[in-house]
Amino acid sequence: MTDENDKIRLSDRILSALELSLKQGDVKISELLTNALELAMTRNSGGGEFVERRDYPPEIEKAMDDLAALRAKVGE
């Protein structure tokens, strides 16, 4: 029996939470979720010398840009 949740990657769920935290203007949670997202996307990749060469998908790039804008806004 296949559960619908088996088709959703952890990084998809973290991105959803990140987008919500950005909408709520929570910098600290957004930073933690960004770290978790990066870990989820790169785990089980390469060895000690591994260097990520892929670009992030557009929705993740947007979330990163939104976090930078939120940081700048809060830092004012």
PDB file of N, CA and C in Angstrom:
ATOM      1  N   MET A   1       0.836  -1.172   0.000  1.00  0.00           N
ATOM      2  CA  MET A   1       0.000   0.000   0.000  1.00  0.00           C
ATOM      3  C   MET A   1       0.887   1.245   0.000  1.00  0.00           C
ATOM      4  N   THR A   2       0.706   2.134  -0.980  1.00  0.00           N
ATOM      5  CA  THR A   2       1.512   3.335  -1.098  1.00  0.00           C
ATOM      6  C   THR A   2       0.768   4.515  -0.491  1.00  0.00           C
ATOM      7  N   ASP A   3       1.422   5.181   0.409  1.00  0.00           N
ATOM      8  CA  ASP A   3       0.868   6.360   1.058  1.00  0.00           C
ATOM      9  C   ASP A   3       1.215   7.586   0.210  1.00  0.00           C
ATOM     10  N   GLU A   4       0.299   8.520   0.100  1.00  0.00           N
ATOM     11  CA  GLU A   4       0.529   9.746  -0.672  1.00  0.00           C
ATOM     12  C   GLU A   4       1.747  10.503  -0.150  1.00  0.00           C
ATOM     13  N   ASN A   5       2.002  10.444   1.156  1.00  0.00           N
ATOM     14  CA  ASN A   5       3.139  11.153   1.745  1.00  0.00           C
ATOM     15  C   ASN A   5       4.476  10.579   1.300  1.00  0.00           C
ATOM     16  N   ASP A   6       4.507   9.342   0.823  1.00  0.00           N
ATOM     17  CA  ASP A   6       5.747   8.735   0.354  1.00  0.00           C
ATOM     18  C   ASP A   6       6.260   9.424  -0.907  1.00  0.00           C
ATOM     19  N   LYS A   7       5.406  10.138  -1.606  1.00  0.00           N
ATOM     20  CA  LYS A   7       5.776  10.796  -2.855  1.00  0.00           C
ATOM     21  C   LYS A   7       6.280  12.216  -2.632  1.00  0.00           C
ATOM     22  N   ILE A   8       6.172  12.709  -1.409  1.00  0.00           N
ATOM     23  CA  ILE A   8       6.592  14.067  -1.093  1.00  0.00           C
ATOM     24  C   ILE A   8       7.969  14.014  -0.447  1.00  0.00           C
ATOM     25  N   ARG A   9       8.905  14.783  -1.003  1.00  0.00           N
ATOM     26  CA  ARG A   9      10.245  14.820  -0.436  1.00  0.00           C
ATOM     27  C   ARG A   9      10.259  15.691   0.815  1.00  0.00           C
ATOM     28  N   LEU A  10      11.161  15.400   1.723  1.00  0.00           N
ATOM     29  CA  LEU A  10      11.319  16.199   2.930  1.00  0.00           C
ATOM     30  C   LEU A  10      11.595  17.654   2.570  1.00  0.00           C
ATOM     31  N   SER A  11      12.409  17.870   1.549  1.00  0.00           N
ATOM     32  CA  SER A  11      12.738  19.244   1.147  1.00  0.00           C
ATOM     33  C   SER A  11      11.491  20.012   0.699  1.00  0.00           C
ATOM     34  N   ASP A  12      10.503  19.327   0.124  1.00  0.00           N
ATOM     35  CA  ASP A  12       9.261  19.991  -0.277  1.00  0.00           C
ATOM     36  C   ASP A  12       8.496  20.498   0.947  1.00  0.00           C
ATOM     37  N   ARG A  13       8.457  19.677   1.975  1.00  0.00           N
ATOM     38  CA  ARG A  13       7.758  20.075   3.208  1.00  0.00           C
ATOM     39  C   ARG A  13       8.483  21.210   3.914  1.00  0.00           C
ATOM     40  N   ILE A  14       9.815  21.149   3.929  1.00  0.00           N
ATOM     41  CA  ILE A  14      10.586  22.217   4.561  1.00  0.00           C
ATOM     42  C   ILE A  14      10.397  23.514   3.787  1.00  0.00           C
ATOM     43  N   LEU A  15      10.398  23.447   2.465  1.00  0.00           N
ATOM     44  CA  LEU A  15      10.177  24.647   1.652  1.00  0.00           C
ATOM     45  C   LEU A  15       8.821  25.261   1.958  1.00  0.00           C
ATOM     46  N   SER A  16       7.808  24.439   2.098  1.00  0.00           N
ATOM     47  CA  SER A  16       6.474  24.941   2.422  1.00  0.00           C
ATOM     48  C   SER A  16       6.487  25.679   3.768  1.00  0.00           C
ATOM     49  N   ALA A  17       7.147  25.091   4.756  1.00  0.00           N
ATOM     50  CA  ALA A  17       7.255  25.733   6.071  1.00  0.00           C
ATOM     51  C   ALA A  17       8.072  27.019   5.975  1.00  0.00           C
ATOM     52  N   LEU A  18       9.126  27.016   5.173  1.00  0.00           N
ATOM     53  CA  LEU A  18       9.948  28.206   4.975  1.00  0.00           C
ATOM     54  C   LEU A  18       9.129  29.335   4.355  1.00  0.00           C
ATOM     55  N   GLU A  19       8.350  29.019   3.340  1.00  0.00           N
ATOM     56  CA  GLU A  19       7.512  30.036   2.702  1.00  0.00           C
ATOM     57  C   GLU A  19       6.520  30.633   3.704  1.00  0.00           C
ATOM     58  N   LEU A  20       5.958  29.805   4.560  1.00  0.00           N
ATOM     59  CA  LEU A  20       5.029  30.291   5.581  1.00  0.00           C
ATOM     60  C   LEU A  20       5.743  31.185   6.589  1.00  0.00           C
ATOM     61  N   SER A  21       6.916  30.776   7.036  1.00  0.00           N
ATOM     62  CA  SER A  21       7.652  31.593   8.016  1.00  0.00           C
ATOM     63  C   SER A  21       8.067  32.933   7.412  1.00  0.00           C
ATOM     64  N   LEU A  22       8.378  32.943   6.123  1.00  0.00           N
ATOM     65  CA  LEU A  22       8.709  34.208   5.450  1.00  0.00           C
ATOM     66  C   LEU A  22       7.484  35.118   5.385  1.00  0.00           C
ATOM     67  N   LYS A  23       6.335  34.549   5.070  1.00  0.00           N
ATOM     68  CA  LYS A  23       5.097  35.348   5.032  1.00  0.00           C
ATOM     69  C   LYS A  23       4.787  35.934   6.400  1.00  0.00           C
ATOM     70  N   GLN A  24       5.130  35.190   7.452  1.00  0.00           N
ATOM     71  CA  GLN A  24       4.873  35.657   8.804  1.00  0.00           C
ATOM     72  C   GLN A  24       5.970  36.588   9.313  1.00  0.00           C
ATOM     73  N   GLY A  25       7.021  36.766   8.526  1.00  0.00           N
ATOM     74  CA  GLY A  25       8.096  37.677   8.881  1.00  0.00           C
ATOM     75  C   GLY A  25       9.001  37.178   9.992  1.00  0.00           C
ATOM     76  N   ASP A  26       9.112  35.884  10.150  1.00  0.00           N
ATOM     77  CA  ASP A  26       9.921  35.299  11.218  1.00  0.00           C
ATOM     78  C   ASP A  26      11.313  34.957  10.686  1.00  0.00           C
ATOM     79  N   VAL A  27      12.251  35.861  10.930  1.00  0.00           N
ATOM     80  CA  VAL A  27      13.605  35.698  10.410  1.00  0.00           C
ATOM     81  C   VAL A  27      14.305  34.480  11.008  1.00  0.00           C
ATOM     82  N   LYS A  28      14.242  34.330  12.319  1.00  0.00           N
ATOM     83  CA  LYS A  28      14.960  33.244  12.987  1.00  0.00           C
ATOM     84  C   LYS A  28      14.491  31.874  12.488  1.00  0.00           C
ATOM     85  N   ILE A  29      13.187  31.660  12.453  1.00  0.00           N
ATOM     86  CA  ILE A  29      12.656  30.376  11.969  1.00  0.00           C
ATOM     87  C   ILE A  29      13.002  30.195  10.492  1.00  0.00           C
ATOM     88  N   SER A  30      12.925  31.258   9.713  1.00  0.00           N
ATOM     89  CA  SER A  30      13.263  31.172   8.290  1.00  0.00           C
ATOM     90  C   SER A  30      14.716  30.762   8.092  1.00  0.00           C
ATOM     91  N   GLU A  31      15.612  31.299   8.919  1.00  0.00           N
ATOM     92  CA  GLU A  31      17.017  30.926   8.819  1.00  0.00           C
ATOM     93  C   GLU A  31      17.225  29.456   9.179  1.00  0.00           C
ATOM     94  N   LEU A  32      16.563  29.005  10.233  1.00  0.00           N
ATOM     95  CA  LEU A  32      16.679  27.597  10.628  1.00  0.00           C
ATOM     96  C   LEU A  32      16.130  26.673   9.543  1.00  0.00           C
ATOM     97  N   LEU A  33      15.002  27.044   8.965  1.00  0.00           N
ATOM     98  CA  LEU A  33      14.410  26.222   7.907  1.00  0.00           C
ATOM     99  C   LEU A  33      15.270  26.225   6.646  1.00  0.00           C
ATOM    100  N   THR A  34      15.920  27.354   6.358  1.00  0.00           N
ATOM    101  CA  THR A  34      16.824  27.416   5.210  1.00  0.00           C
ATOM    102  C   THR A  34      17.984  26.449   5.410  1.00  0.00           C
ATOM    103  N   ASN A  35      18.525  26.425   6.617  1.00  0.00           N
ATOM    104  CA  ASN A  35      19.599  25.482   6.935  1.00  0.00           C
ATOM    105  C   ASN A  35      19.110  24.044   6.775  1.00  0.00           C
ATOM    106  N   ALA A  36      17.931  23.751   7.305  1.00  0.00           N
ATOM    107  CA  ALA A  36      17.364  22.409   7.186  1.00  0.00           C
ATOM    108  C   ALA A  36      17.125  22.042   5.723  1.00  0.00           C
ATOM    109  N   LEU A  37      16.667  22.992   4.934  1.00  0.00           N
ATOM    110  CA  LEU A  37      16.412  22.755   3.513  1.00  0.00           C
ATOM    111  C   LEU A  37      17.714  22.407   2.791  1.00  0.00           C
ATOM    112  N   GLU A  38      18.767  23.156   3.071  1.00  0.00           N
ATOM    113  CA  GLU A  38      20.058  22.881   2.449  1.00  0.00           C
ATOM    114  C   GLU A  38      20.563  21.492   2.839  1.00  0.00           C
ATOM    115  N   LEU A  39      20.402  21.131   4.101  1.00  0.00           N
ATOM    116  CA  LEU A  39      20.819  19.800   4.552  1.00  0.00           C
ATOM    117  C   LEU A  39      20.004  18.703   3.875  1.00  0.00           C
ATOM    118  N   ALA A  40      18.703  18.904   3.775  1.00  0.00           N
ATOM    119  CA  ALA A  40      17.832  17.892   3.167  1.00  0.00           C
ATOM    120  C   ALA A  40      18.151  17.701   1.687  1.00  0.00           C
ATOM    121  N   MET A  41      18.529  18.781   1.021  1.00  0.00           N
ATOM    122  CA  MET A  41      18.792  18.690  -0.413  1.00  0.00           C
ATOM    123  C   MET A  41      20.149  18.086  -0.727  1.00  0.00           C
ATOM    124  N   THR A  42      21.087  18.167   0.212  1.00  0.00           N
ATOM    125  CA  THR A  42      22.438  17.708  -0.095  1.00  0.00           C
ATOM    126  C   THR A  42      22.826  16.432   0.638  1.00  0.00           C
ATOM    127  N   ARG A  43      21.980  15.940   1.532  1.00  0.00           N
ATOM    128  CA  ARG A  43      22.350  14.718   2.258  1.00  0.00           C
ATOM    129  C   ARG A  43      22.471  13.552   1.282  1.00  0.00           C
ATOM    130  N   ASN A  44      23.296  12.625   1.640  1.00  0.00           N
ATOM    131  CA  ASN A  44      23.574  11.445   0.802  1.00  0.00           C
ATOM    132  C   ASN A  44      24.158  11.815  -0.560  1.00  0.00           C
ATOM    133  N   SER A  45      24.848  12.952  -0.615  1.00  0.00           N
ATOM    134  CA  SER A  45      25.460  13.392  -1.871  1.00  0.00           C
ATOM    135  C   SER A  45      26.965  13.364  -1.731  1.00  0.00           C
ATOM    136  N   GLY A  46      27.617  12.629  -2.574  1.00  0.00           N
ATOM    137  CA  GLY A  46      29.069  12.628  -2.636  1.00  0.00           C
ATOM    138  C   GLY A  46      29.747  12.258  -1.333  1.00  0.00           C
ATOM    139  N   GLY A  47      31.019  12.569  -1.262  1.00  0.00           N
ATOM    140  CA  GLY A  47      31.809  12.285  -0.066  1.00  0.00           C
ATOM    141  C   GLY A  47      32.340  13.568   0.533  1.00  0.00           C
ATOM    142  N   GLY A  48      33.454  13.460   1.222  1.00  0.00           N
ATOM    143  CA  GLY A  48      34.046  14.602   1.894  1.00  0.00           C
ATOM    144  C   GLY A  48      34.472  15.710   0.951  1.00  0.00           C
ATOM    145  N   GLU A  49      34.788  15.366  -0.272  1.00  0.00           N
ATOM    146  CA  GLU A  49      35.234  16.346  -1.260  1.00  0.00           C
ATOM    147  C   GLU A  49      34.079  16.850  -2.140  1.00  0.00           C
ATOM    148  N   PHE A  50      32.856  16.435  -1.817  1.00  0.00           N
ATOM    149  CA  PHE A  50      31.705  16.768  -2.652  1.00  0.00           C
ATOM    150  C   PHE A  50      31.449  18.268  -2.690  1.00  0.00           C
ATOM    151  N   VAL A  51      31.200  18.801  -3.889  1.00  0.00           N
ATOM    152  CA  VAL A  51      30.835  20.203  -4.072  1.00  0.00           C
ATOM    153  C   VAL A  51      29.532  20.223  -4.861  1.00  0.00           C
ATOM    154  N   GLU A  52      28.514  20.892  -4.317  1.00  0.00           N
ATOM    155  CA  GLU A  52      27.220  20.983  -4.998  1.00  0.00           C
ATOM    156  C   GLU A  52      27.374  21.848  -6.244  1.00  0.00           C
ATOM    157  N   ARG A  53      26.969  21.324  -7.387  1.00  0.00           N
ATOM    158  CA  ARG A  53      27.099  22.058  -8.647  1.00  0.00           C
ATOM    159  C   ARG A  53      25.750  22.369  -9.288  1.00  0.00           C
ATOM    160  N   ARG A  54      24.679  21.829  -8.716  1.00  0.00           N
ATOM    161  CA  ARG A  54      23.357  22.095  -9.289  1.00  0.00           C
ATOM    162  C   ARG A  54      22.848  23.441  -8.801  1.00  0.00           C
ATOM    163  N   ASP A  55      22.033  24.071  -9.632  1.00  0.00           N
ATOM    164  CA  ASP A  55      21.339  25.288  -9.203  1.00  0.00           C
ATOM    165  C   ASP A  55      20.099  24.884  -8.432  1.00  0.00           C
ATOM    166  N   TYR A  56      19.686  25.758  -7.508  1.00  0.00           N
ATOM    167  CA  TYR A  56      18.444  25.503  -6.797  1.00  0.00           C
ATOM    168  C   TYR A  56      17.269  25.734  -7.737  1.00  0.00           C
ATOM    169  N   PRO A  57      16.172  25.010  -7.541  1.00  0.00           N
ATOM    170  CA  PRO A  57      14.964  25.268  -8.333  1.00  0.00           C
ATOM    171  C   PRO A  57      14.478  26.702  -8.086  1.00  0.00           C
ATOM    172  N   PRO A  58      13.724  27.273  -9.029  1.00  0.00           N
ATOM    173  CA  PRO A  58      13.282  28.669  -8.917  1.00  0.00           C
ATOM    174  C   PRO A  58      12.533  28.982  -7.616  1.00  0.00           C
ATOM    175  N   GLU A  59      11.716  28.057  -7.132  1.00  0.00           N
ATOM    176  CA  GLU A  59      10.957  28.341  -5.913  1.00  0.00           C
ATOM    177  C   GLU A  59      11.869  28.449  -4.692  1.00  0.00           C
ATOM    178  N   ILE A  60      12.975  27.721  -4.708  1.00  0.00           N
ATOM    179  CA  ILE A  60      13.926  27.826  -3.602  1.00  0.00           C
ATOM    180  C   ILE A  60      14.742  29.107  -3.740  1.00  0.00           C
ATOM    181  N   GLU A  61      15.119  29.458  -4.958  1.00  0.00           N
ATOM    182  CA  GLU A  61      15.815  30.725  -5.188  1.00  0.00           C
ATOM    183  C   GLU A  61      14.961  31.894  -4.695  1.00  0.00           C
ATOM    184  N   LYS A  62      13.656  31.845  -4.971  1.00  0.00           N
ATOM    185  CA  LYS A  62      12.751  32.907  -4.532  1.00  0.00           C
ATOM    186  C   LYS A  62      12.710  32.974  -3.005  1.00  0.00           C
ATOM    187  N   ALA A  63      12.634  31.824  -2.356  1.00  0.00           N
ATOM    188  CA  ALA A  63      12.609  31.803  -0.895  1.00  0.00           C
ATOM    189  C   ALA A  63      13.897  32.393  -0.331  1.00  0.00           C
ATOM    190  N   MET A  64      15.029  32.079  -0.939  1.00  0.00           N
ATOM    191  CA  MET A  64      16.306  32.635  -0.484  1.00  0.00           C
ATOM    192  C   MET A  64      16.330  34.155  -0.669  1.00  0.00           C
ATOM    193  N   ASP A  65      15.813  34.628  -1.811  1.00  0.00           N
ATOM    194  CA  ASP A  65      15.730  36.075  -2.059  1.00  0.00           C
ATOM    195  C   ASP A  65      14.795  36.745  -1.052  1.00  0.00           C
ATOM    196  N   ASP A  66      13.671  36.087  -0.764  1.00  0.00           N
ATOM    197  CA  ASP A  66      12.719  36.630   0.213  1.00  0.00           C
ATOM    198  C   ASP A  66      13.349  36.704   1.599  1.00  0.00           C
ATOM    199  N   LEU A  67      14.153  35.710   1.953  1.00  0.00           N
ATOM    200  CA  LEU A  67      14.830  35.733   3.254  1.00  0.00           C
ATOM    201  C   LEU A  67      15.829  36.883   3.302  1.00  0.00           C
ATOM    202  N   ALA A  68      16.573  37.092   2.245  1.00  0.00           N
ATOM    203  CA  ALA A  68      17.527  38.209   2.206  1.00  0.00           C
ATOM    204  C   ALA A  68      16.797  39.540   2.354  1.00  0.00           C
ATOM    205  N   ALA A  69      15.644  39.678   1.693  1.00  0.00           N
ATOM    206  CA  ALA A  69      14.859  40.915   1.807  1.00  0.00           C
ATOM    207  C   ALA A  69      14.317  41.086   3.226  1.00  0.00           C
ATOM    208  N   LEU A  70      13.878  40.004   3.846  1.00  0.00           N
ATOM    209  CA  LEU A  70      13.374  40.072   5.210  1.00  0.00           C
ATOM    210  C   LEU A  70      14.487  40.451   6.179  1.00  0.00           C
ATOM    211  N   ARG A  71      15.662  39.867   5.987  1.00  0.00           N
ATOM    212  CA  ARG A  71      16.809  40.233   6.832  1.00  0.00           C
ATOM    213  C   ARG A  71      17.123  41.724   6.716  1.00  0.00           C
ATOM    214  N   ALA A  72      17.104  42.234   5.483  1.00  0.00           N
ATOM    215  CA  ALA A  72      17.401  43.655   5.255  1.00  0.00           C
ATOM    216  C   ALA A  72      16.329  44.533   5.917  1.00  0.00           C
ATOM    217  N   LYS A  73      15.086  44.109   5.814  1.00  0.00           N
ATOM    218  CA  LYS A  73      13.977  44.878   6.400  1.00  0.00           C
ATOM    219  C   LYS A  73      14.087  44.910   7.922  1.00  0.00           C
ATOM    220  N   VAL A  74      14.390  43.781   8.530  1.00  0.00           N
ATOM    221  CA  VAL A  74      14.483  43.688   9.990  1.00  0.00           C
ATOM    222  C   VAL A  74      15.735  44.428  10.481  1.00  0.00           C
ATOM    223  N   GLY A  75      16.772  44.408   9.668  1.00  0.00           N
ATOM    224  CA  GLY A  75      18.026  45.055  10.041  1.00  0.00           C
ATOM    225  C   GLY A  75      17.972  46.571  10.003  1.00  0.00           C
ATOM    226  N   GLU A  76      16.906  47.136   9.442  1.00  0.00           N
ATOM    227  CA  GLU A  76      16.793  48.596   9.329  1.00  0.00           C
ATOM    228  C   GLU A  76      16.623  49.240  10.669  1.00  0.00           C
TER     229      GLU A  76
END
